[in-house]
Each structure stands twice: as C-alpha cells, then as structure tokens.
PDB file of N, CA and C in Angstrom:
ATOM      1  N   MET A   1      16.719  11.230   7.547  1.00  0.00           N
ATOM      2  CA  MET A   1      15.547  10.644   6.929  1.00  0.00           C
ATOM      3  C   MET A   1      15.113  11.542   5.778  1.00  0.00           C
ATOM      4  N   SER A   2      14.806  10.929   4.656  1.00  0.00           N
ATOM      5  CA  SER A   2      14.278  11.681   3.528  1.00  0.00           C
ATOM      6  C   SER A   2      13.100  10.912   2.944  1.00  0.00           C
ATOM      7  N   TYR A   3      12.247  11.631   2.231  1.00  0.00           N
ATOM      8  CA  TYR A   3      11.082  10.980   1.636  1.00  0.00           C
ATOM      9  C   TYR A   3      10.658  11.733   0.383  1.00  0.00           C
ATOM     10  N   TYR A   4       9.961  11.028  -0.479  1.00  0.00           N
ATOM     11  CA  TYR A   4       9.383  11.650  -1.671  1.00  0.00           C
ATOM     12  C   TYR A   4       8.254  10.768  -2.180  1.00  0.00           C
ATOM     13  N   TRP A   5       7.278  11.401  -2.796  1.00  0.00           N
ATOM     14  CA  TRP A   5       6.166  10.685  -3.404  1.00  0.00           C
ATOM     15  C   TRP A   5       6.588  10.180  -4.770  1.00  0.00           C
ATOM     16  N   ASP A   6       6.130   9.009  -5.127  1.00  0.00           N
ATOM     17  CA  ASP A   6       6.425   8.419  -6.426  1.00  0.00           C
ATOM     18  C   ASP A   6       5.834   9.286  -7.532  1.00  0.00           C
ATOM     19  N   GLU A   7       6.598   9.501  -8.599  1.00  0.00           N
ATOM     20  CA  GLU A   7       6.135  10.360  -9.699  1.00  0.00           C
ATOM     21  C   GLU A   7       4.998   9.733 -10.495  1.00  0.00           C
ATOM     22  N   ASP A   8       4.972   8.405 -10.577  1.00  0.00           N
ATOM     23  CA  ASP A   8       3.959   7.724 -11.383  1.00  0.00           C
ATOM     24  C   ASP A   8       2.755   7.257 -10.580  1.00  0.00           C
ATOM     25  N   ASP A   9       2.890   7.197  -9.267  1.00  0.00           N
ATOM     26  CA  ASP A   9       1.810   6.664  -8.431  1.00  0.00           C
ATOM     27  C   ASP A   9       1.691   7.516  -7.167  1.00  0.00           C
ATOM     28  N   ASP A  10       0.631   8.284  -7.050  1.00  0.00           N
ATOM     29  CA  ASP A  10       0.486   9.181  -5.903  1.00  0.00           C
ATOM     30  C   ASP A  10       0.053   8.466  -4.618  1.00  0.00           C
ATOM     31  N   HIS A  11      -0.069   7.147  -4.657  1.00  0.00           N
ATOM     32  CA  HIS A  11      -0.379   6.372  -3.458  1.00  0.00           C
ATOM     33  C   HIS A  11       0.879   5.760  -2.842  1.00  0.00           C
ATOM     34  N   LEU A  12       2.040   6.000  -3.434  1.00  0.00           N
ATOM     35  CA  LEU A  12       3.281   5.362  -3.001  1.00  0.00           C
ATOM     36  C   LEU A  12       4.272   6.402  -2.490  1.00  0.00           C
ATOM     37  N   LEU A  13       4.663   6.248  -1.230  1.00  0.00           N
ATOM     38  CA  LEU A  13       5.623   7.148  -0.605  1.00  0.00           C
ATOM     39  C   LEU A  13       6.916   6.384  -0.367  1.00  0.00           C
ATOM     40  N   HIS A  14       8.036   6.956  -0.793  1.00  0.00           N
ATOM     41  CA  HIS A  14       9.358   6.371  -0.573  1.00  0.00           C
ATOM     42  C   HIS A  14      10.009   7.091   0.600  1.00  0.00           C
ATOM     43  N   VAL A  15      10.510   6.320   1.581  1.00  0.00           N
ATOM     44  CA  VAL A  15      11.168   6.890   2.751  1.00  0.00           C
ATOM     45  C   VAL A  15      12.529   6.218   2.893  1.00  0.00           C
ATOM     46  N   ALA A  16      13.579   7.023   3.109  1.00  0.00           N
ATOM     47  CA  ALA A  16      14.927   6.490   3.311  1.00  0.00           C
ATOM     48  C   ALA A  16      15.376   6.797   4.726  1.00  0.00           C
ATOM     49  N   THR A  17      15.672   5.735   5.477  1.00  0.00           N
ATOM     50  CA  THR A  17      16.286   5.841   6.794  1.00  0.00           C
ATOM     51  C   THR A  17      17.524   4.956   6.733  1.00  0.00           C
ATOM     52  N   PRO A  18      18.602   5.506   6.160  1.00  0.00           N
ATOM     53  CA  PRO A  18      19.784   4.680   5.882  1.00  0.00           C
ATOM     54  C   PRO A  18      20.180   3.811   7.070  1.00  0.00           C
ATOM     55  N   PRO A  19      20.444   2.543   6.833  1.00  0.00           N
ATOM     56  CA  PRO A  19      20.646   1.877   5.551  1.00  0.00           C
ATOM     57  C   PRO A  19      19.394   1.237   4.973  1.00  0.00           C
ATOM     58  N   VAL A  20      18.229   1.526   5.534  1.00  0.00           N
ATOM     59  CA  VAL A  20      16.986   0.879   5.085  1.00  0.00           C
ATOM     60  C   VAL A  20      16.152   1.856   4.265  1.00  0.00           C
ATOM     61  N   ARG A  21      15.548   1.331   3.212  1.00  0.00           N
ATOM     62  CA  ARG A  21      14.600   2.102   2.398  1.00  0.00           C
ATOM     63  C   ARG A  21      13.214   1.500   2.578  1.00  0.00           C
ATOM     64  N   TRP A  22      12.233   2.370   2.628  1.00  0.00           N
ATOM     65  CA  TRP A  22      10.856   1.949   2.860  1.00  0.00           C
ATOM     66  C   TRP A  22       9.976   2.411   1.712  1.00  0.00           C
ATOM     67  N   GLU A  23       8.963   1.611   1.417  1.00  0.00           N
ATOM     68  CA  GLU A  23       7.898   2.002   0.495  1.00  0.00           C
ATOM     69  C   GLU A  23       6.594   1.855   1.259  1.00  0.00           C
ATOM     70  N   LEU A  24       5.823   2.907   1.268  1.00  0.00           N
ATOM     71  CA  LEU A  24       4.539   2.884   1.962  1.00  0.00           C
ATOM     72  C   LEU A  24       3.434   3.085   0.941  1.00  0.00           C
ATOM     73  N   TRP A  25       2.576   2.109   0.829  1.00  0.00           N
ATOM     74  CA  TRP A  25       1.476   2.130  -0.123  1.00  0.00           C
ATOM     75  C   TRP A  25       0.197   2.489   0.629  1.00  0.00           C
ATOM     76  N   PHE A  26      -0.433   3.591   0.241  1.00  0.00           N
ATOM     77  CA  PHE A  26      -1.663   4.046   0.875  1.00  0.00           C
ATOM     78  C   PHE A  26      -2.851   3.565   0.066  1.00  0.00           C
ATOM     79  N   ASP A  27      -3.640   2.700   0.679  1.00  0.00           N
ATOM     80  CA  ASP A  27      -4.865   2.202   0.066  1.00  0.00           C
ATOM     81  C   ASP A  27      -6.027   2.872   0.777  1.00  0.00           C
ATOM     82  N   THR A  28      -7.237   2.656   0.308  1.00  0.00           N
ATOM     83  CA  THR A  28      -8.392   3.304   0.930  1.00  0.00           C
ATOM     84  C   THR A  28      -8.634   2.809   2.356  1.00  0.00           C
ATOM     85  N   GLU A  29      -8.272   1.570   2.648  1.00  0.00           N
ATOM     86  CA  GLU A  29      -8.546   0.984   3.956  1.00  0.00           C
ATOM     87  C   GLU A  29      -7.306   0.732   4.803  1.00  0.00           C
ATOM     88  N   GLN A  30      -6.113   0.735   4.213  1.00  0.00           N
ATOM     89  CA  GLN A  30      -4.917   0.377   4.977  1.00  0.00           C
ATOM     90  C   GLN A  30      -3.659   0.980   4.374  1.00  0.00           C
ATOM     91  N   VAL A  31      -2.577   0.912   5.145  1.00  0.00           N
ATOM     92  CA  VAL A  31      -1.259   1.325   4.684  1.00  0.00           C
ATOM     93  C   VAL A  31      -0.382   0.081   4.715  1.00  0.00           C
ATOM     94  N   THR A  32       0.267  -0.230   3.605  1.00  0.00           N
ATOM     95  CA  THR A  32       1.161  -1.369   3.526  1.00  0.00           C
ATOM     96  C   THR A  32       2.593  -0.848   3.500  1.00  0.00           C
ATOM     97  N   VAL A  33       3.457  -1.441   4.337  1.00  0.00           N
ATOM     98  CA  VAL A  33       4.840  -0.992   4.462  1.00  0.00           C
ATOM     99  C   VAL A  33       5.768  -2.087   3.960  1.00  0.00           C
ATOM    100  N   TYR A  34       6.680  -1.721   3.043  1.00  0.00           N
ATOM    101  CA  TYR A  34       7.719  -2.617   2.559  1.00  0.00           C
ATOM    102  C   TYR A  34       9.066  -1.991   2.888  1.00  0.00           C
ATOM    103  N   GLY A  35      10.021  -2.809   3.324  1.00  0.00           N
ATOM    104  CA  GLY A  35      11.354  -2.304   3.620  1.00  0.00           C
ATOM    105  C   GLY A  35      12.416  -3.152   2.960  1.00  0.00           C
ATOM    106  N   SER A  36      13.523  -2.514   2.596  1.00  0.00           N
ATOM    107  CA  SER A  36      14.656  -3.255   2.047  1.00  0.00           C
ATOM    108  C   SER A  36      15.941  -2.633   2.575  1.00  0.00           C
ATOM    109  N   GLY A  37      16.924  -3.496   2.818  1.00  0.00           N
ATOM    110  CA  GLY A  37      18.193  -3.023   3.344  1.00  0.00           C
ATOM    111  C   GLY A  37      19.227  -4.133   3.300  1.00  0.00           C
ATOM    112  N   PRO A  38      20.424  -3.853   3.786  1.00  0.00           N
ATOM    113  CA  PRO A  38      21.481  -4.866   3.771  1.00  0.00           C
ATOM    114  C   PRO A  38      21.163  -6.008   4.733  1.00  0.00           C
ATOM    115  N   PHE A  39      21.831  -7.121   4.509  1.00  0.00           N
ATOM    116  CA  PHE A  39      21.585  -8.328   5.285  1.00  0.00           C
ATOM    117  C   PHE A  39      21.765  -8.093   6.782  1.00  0.00           C
ATOM    118  N   TRP A  40      22.828  -7.383   7.179  1.00  0.00           N
ATOM    119  CA  TRP A  40      23.085  -7.174   8.605  1.00  0.00           C
ATOM    120  C   TRP A  40      21.975  -6.363   9.267  1.00  0.00           C
ATOM    121  N   ALA A  41      21.385  -5.421   8.520  1.00  0.00           N
ATOM    122  CA  ALA A  41      20.284  -4.631   9.078  1.00  0.00           C
ATOM    123  C   ALA A  41      19.043  -5.507   9.257  1.00  0.00           C
ATOM    124  N   LYS A  42      18.853  -6.440   8.329  1.00  0.00           N
ATOM    125  CA  LYS A  42      17.706  -7.343   8.433  1.00  0.00           C
ATOM    126  C   LYS A  42      17.835  -8.263   9.639  1.00  0.00           C
ATOM    127  N   LEU A  43      19.066  -8.668   9.972  1.00  0.00           N
ATOM    128  CA  LEU A  43      19.267  -9.526  11.140  1.00  0.00           C
ATOM    129  C   LEU A  43      18.877  -8.827  12.435  1.00  0.00           C
ATOM    130  N   LEU A  44      19.082  -7.526  12.490  1.00  0.00           N
ATOM    131  CA  LEU A  44      18.757  -6.756  13.695  1.00  0.00           C
ATOM    132  C   LEU A  44      17.288  -6.341  13.765  1.00  0.00           C
ATOM    133  N   PHE A  45      16.556  -6.571  12.690  1.00  0.00           N
ATOM    134  CA  PHE A  45      15.170  -6.124  12.610  1.00  0.00           C
ATOM    135  C   PHE A  45      14.239  -7.252  13.044  1.00  0.00           C
ATOM    136  N   THR A  46      13.990  -7.347  14.340  1.00  0.00           N
ATOM    137  CA  THR A  46      13.160  -8.405  14.903  1.00  0.00           C
ATOM    138  C   THR A  46      11.680  -8.086  14.711  1.00  0.00           C
ATOM    139  N   LYS A  47      10.837  -9.026  15.044  1.00  0.00           N
ATOM    140  CA  LYS A  47       9.390  -8.791  14.957  1.00  0.00           C
ATOM    141  C   LYS A  47       8.975  -7.617  15.832  1.00  0.00           C
ATOM    142  N   GLU A  48       9.595  -7.526  16.999  1.00  0.00           N
ATOM    143  CA  GLU A  48       9.274  -6.420  17.904  1.00  0.00           C
ATOM    144  C   GLU A  48       9.673  -5.077  17.292  1.00  0.00           C
ATOM    145  N   ARG A  49      10.874  -4.999  16.715  1.00  0.00           N
ATOM    146  CA  ARG A  49      11.331  -3.763  16.076  1.00  0.00           C
ATOM    147  C   ARG A  49      10.448  -3.427  14.867  1.00  0.00           C
ATOM    148  N   ARG A  50      10.027  -4.443  14.133  1.00  0.00           N
ATOM    149  CA  ARG A  50       9.148  -4.230  12.979  1.00  0.00           C
ATOM    150  C   ARG A  50       7.823  -3.636  13.428  1.00  0.00           C
ATOM    151  N   ALA A  51       7.274  -4.163  14.499  1.00  0.00           N
ATOM    152  CA  ALA A  51       6.007  -3.638  15.022  1.00  0.00           C
ATOM    153  C   ALA A  51       6.174  -2.201  15.513  1.00  0.00           C
ATOM    154  N   GLN A  52       7.313  -1.908  16.160  1.00  0.00           N
ATOM    155  CA  GLN A  52       7.569  -0.546  16.620  1.00  0.00           C
ATOM    156  C   GLN A  52       7.677   0.421  15.446  1.00  0.00           C
ATOM    157  N   MET A  53       8.381   0.025  14.405  1.00  0.00           N
ATOM    158  CA  MET A  53       8.551   0.887  13.233  1.00  0.00           C
ATOM    159  C   MET A  53       7.205   1.113  12.534  1.00  0.00           C
ATOM    160  N   HIS A  54       6.448   0.060  12.399  1.00  0.00           N
ATOM    161  CA  HIS A  54       5.128   0.161  11.769  1.00  0.00           C
ATOM    162  C   HIS A  54       4.245   1.125  12.563  1.00  0.00           C
ATOM    163  N   GLN A  55       4.228   0.968  13.873  1.00  0.00           N
ATOM    164  CA  GLN A  55       3.416   1.834  14.718  1.00  0.00           C
ATOM    165  C   GLN A  55       3.907   3.273  14.635  1.00  0.00           C
ATOM    166  N   GLY A  56       5.217   3.450  14.559  1.00  0.00           N
ATOM    167  CA  GLY A  56       5.783   4.795  14.436  1.00  0.00           C
ATOM    168  C   GLY A  56       5.326   5.486  13.169  1.00  0.00           C
ATOM    169  N   PHE A  57       5.354   4.756  12.037  1.00  0.00           N
ATOM    170  CA  PHE A  57       4.865   5.319  10.780  1.00  0.00           C
ATOM    171  C   PHE A  57       3.400   5.713  10.904  1.00  0.00           C
ATOM    172  N   LEU A  58       2.599   4.840  11.482  1.00  0.00           N
ATOM    173  CA  LEU A  58       1.170   5.134  11.610  1.00  0.00           C
ATOM    174  C   LEU A  58       0.912   6.359  12.477  1.00  0.00           C
ATOM    175  N   CYS A  59       1.649   6.494  13.563  1.00  0.00           N
ATOM    176  CA  CYS A  59       1.476   7.661  14.445  1.00  0.00           C
ATOM    177  C   CYS A  59       1.811   8.957  13.719  1.00  0.00           C
ATOM    178  N   VAL A  60       2.897   8.955  12.975  1.00  0.00           N
ATOM    179  CA  VAL A  60       3.285  10.157  12.231  1.00  0.00           C
ATOM    180  C   VAL A  60       2.216  10.515  11.210  1.00  0.00           C
ATOM    181  N   PHE A  61       1.732   9.540  10.467  1.00  0.00           N
ATOM    182  CA  PHE A  61       0.725   9.813   9.438  1.00  0.00           C
ATOM    183  C   PHE A  61      -0.595  10.278  10.035  1.00  0.00           C
ATOM    184  N   GLN A  62      -0.941   9.784  11.224  1.00  0.00           N
ATOM    185  CA  GLN A  62      -2.139  10.266  11.891  1.00  0.00           C
ATOM    186  C   GLN A  62      -1.963  11.708  12.343  1.00  0.00           C
ATOM    187  N   GLU A  63      -0.788  12.034  12.864  1.00  0.00           N
ATOM    188  CA  GLU A  63      -0.526  13.391  13.343  1.00  0.00           C
ATOM    189  C   GLU A  63      -0.595  14.422  12.227  1.00  0.00           C
ATOM    190  N   VAL A  64      -0.121  14.066  11.037  1.00  0.00           N
ATOM    191  CA  VAL A  64      -0.133  15.025   9.930  1.00  0.00           C
ATOM    192  C   VAL A  64      -1.419  14.950   9.110  1.00  0.00           C
ATOM    193  N   GLY A  65      -2.334  14.045   9.463  1.00  0.00           N
ATOM    194  CA  GLY A  65      -3.633  13.991   8.806  1.00  0.00           C
ATOM    195  C   GLY A  65      -3.705  13.166   7.541  1.00  0.00           C
ATOM    196  N   LEU A  66      -2.684  12.328   7.274  1.00  0.00           N
ATOM    197  CA  LEU A  66      -2.746  11.480   6.081  1.00  0.00           C
ATOM    198  C   LEU A  66      -3.732  10.334   6.250  1.00  0.00           C
ATOM    199  N   ILE A  67      -3.849   9.841   7.465  1.00  0.00           N
ATOM    200  CA  ILE A  67      -4.810   8.774   7.743  1.00  0.00           C
ATOM    201  C   ILE A  67      -5.583   9.132   9.003  1.00  0.00           C
ATOM    202  N   ALA A  68      -6.779   8.619   9.111  1.00  0.00           N
ATOM    203  CA  ALA A  68      -7.609   8.873  10.288  1.00  0.00           C
ATOM    204  C   ALA A  68      -7.177   7.945  11.417  1.00  0.00           C
ATOM    205  N   PRO A  69      -7.257   8.412  12.659  1.00  0.00           N
ATOM    206  CA  PRO A  69      -6.935   7.533  13.787  1.00  0.00           C
ATOM    207  C   PRO A  69      -7.880   6.333  13.815  1.00  0.00           C
ATOM    208  N   ALA A  70      -7.361   5.211  14.253  1.00  0.00           N
ATOM    209  CA  ALA A  70      -8.189   4.010  14.370  1.00  0.00           C
ATOM    210  C   ALA A  70      -9.244   4.232  15.443  1.00  0.00           C
ATOM    211  N   ALA A  71     -10.425   3.711  15.202  1.00  0.00           N
ATOM    212  CA  ALA A  71     -11.514   3.846  16.174  1.00  0.00           C
ATOM    213  C   ALA A  71     -11.168   3.058  17.435  1.00  0.00           C
ATOM    214  N   GLN A  72     -11.443   3.647  18.577  1.00  0.00           N
ATOM    215  CA  GLN A  72     -11.203   2.975  19.842  1.00  0.00           C
ATOM    216  C   GLN A  72     -12.313   1.956  20.077  1.00  0.00           C
ATOM    217  N   PRO A  73     -11.961   0.743  20.547  1.00  0.00           N
ATOM    218  CA  PRO A  73     -13.002  -0.250  20.819  1.00  0.00           C
ATOM    219  C   PRO A  73     -13.915   0.235  21.930  1.00  0.00           C
ATOM    220  N   ARG A  74     -15.176  -0.052  21.788  1.00  0.00           N
ATOM    221  CA  ARG A  74     -16.156   0.354  22.792  1.00  0.00           C
ATOM    222  C   ARG A  74     -16.077  -0.557  24.003  1.00  0.00           C
ATOM    223  N   SER A  75     -16.265   0.028  25.146  1.00  0.00           N
ATOM    224  CA  SER A  75     -16.271  -0.740  26.389  1.00  0.00           C
ATOM    225  C   SER A  75     -17.579  -1.505  26.482  1.00  0.00           C
ATOM    226  N   ARG A  76     -17.502  -2.728  26.991  1.00  0.00           N
ATOM    227  CA  ARG A  76     -18.711  -3.541  27.145  1.00  0.00           C
ATOM    228  C   ARG A  76     -19.276  -3.433  28.550  1.00  0.00           C
ATOM    229  N   VAL A  77     -18.688  -2.596  29.359  1.00  0.00           N
ATOM    230  CA  VAL A  77     -19.166  -2.422  30.723  1.00  0.00           C
ATOM    231  C   VAL A  77     -20.445  -1.584  30.683  1.00  0.00           C
ATOM    232  N   LYS A  78     -21.479  -2.103  31.330  1.00  0.00           N
ATOM    233  CA  LYS A  78     -22.740  -1.367  31.378  1.00  0.00           C
ATOM    234  C   LYS A  78     -22.695  -0.377  32.525  1.00  0.00           C
ATOM    235  N   ARG A  79     -23.148   0.817  32.257  1.00  0.00           N
ATOM    236  CA  ARG A  79     -23.167   1.855  33.283  1.00  0.00           C
ATOM    237  C   ARG A  79     -24.466   1.782  34.067  1.00  0.00           C
ATOM    238  N   ALA A  80     -24.332   2.069  35.368  1.00  0.00           N
ATOM    239  CA  ALA A  80     -25.517   2.080  36.220  1.00  0.00           C
ATOM    240  C   ALA A  80     -26.337   3.303  35.922  1.00  0.00           C
ATOM    241  N   ARG A  81     -27.632   3.167  35.988  1.00  0.00           N
ATOM    242  CA  ARG A  81     -28.536   4.291  35.699  1.00  0.00           C
ATOM    243  C   ARG A  81     -28.953   4.980  36.942  1.00  0.00           C
TER     244      ARG A  81
END
C-alpha cells in the first residue's frame, strides 16, 4: 500500500492498494472515497466489501487523528433516581 497527498489540492489523498487505486476527498463534514481498478477486481467488490473498506479507511483516519470519531448515539433509556 502506498499513498501521497495531491500536490494541487491538500484535501485529496491518493492511496494505491494494487490493483485498485483510491482517492479520498476530505471535506469539513465528511470523507468521500472513490476507487478505480480493473474489471475483474470490480466484480469481486461487493456492497459488503465496499462497506468494509470504507469502514477500514475511517478507522485508520480516526486512529491517526485526521478525522474525529463519530459521536455515539445517546441511549433513550431513563435511569432510575
């Protein structure tokens, strides 16, 4: 795996995981992921695998501090006093 920041746009990260190349666009509110690769790799890339890869990218970026962890939903259970 290799990666580099775009020279013209500091919000765009290029990641290569042969045979697939990824572009990750960092916006103020979200990260958008684009991938490109050969046809056979696309056939093996199911919705489930796409979700796993997306989640993997997000976990790595949270660990290194590029993005803040998503807020955990609050429980609606009322506590006894």
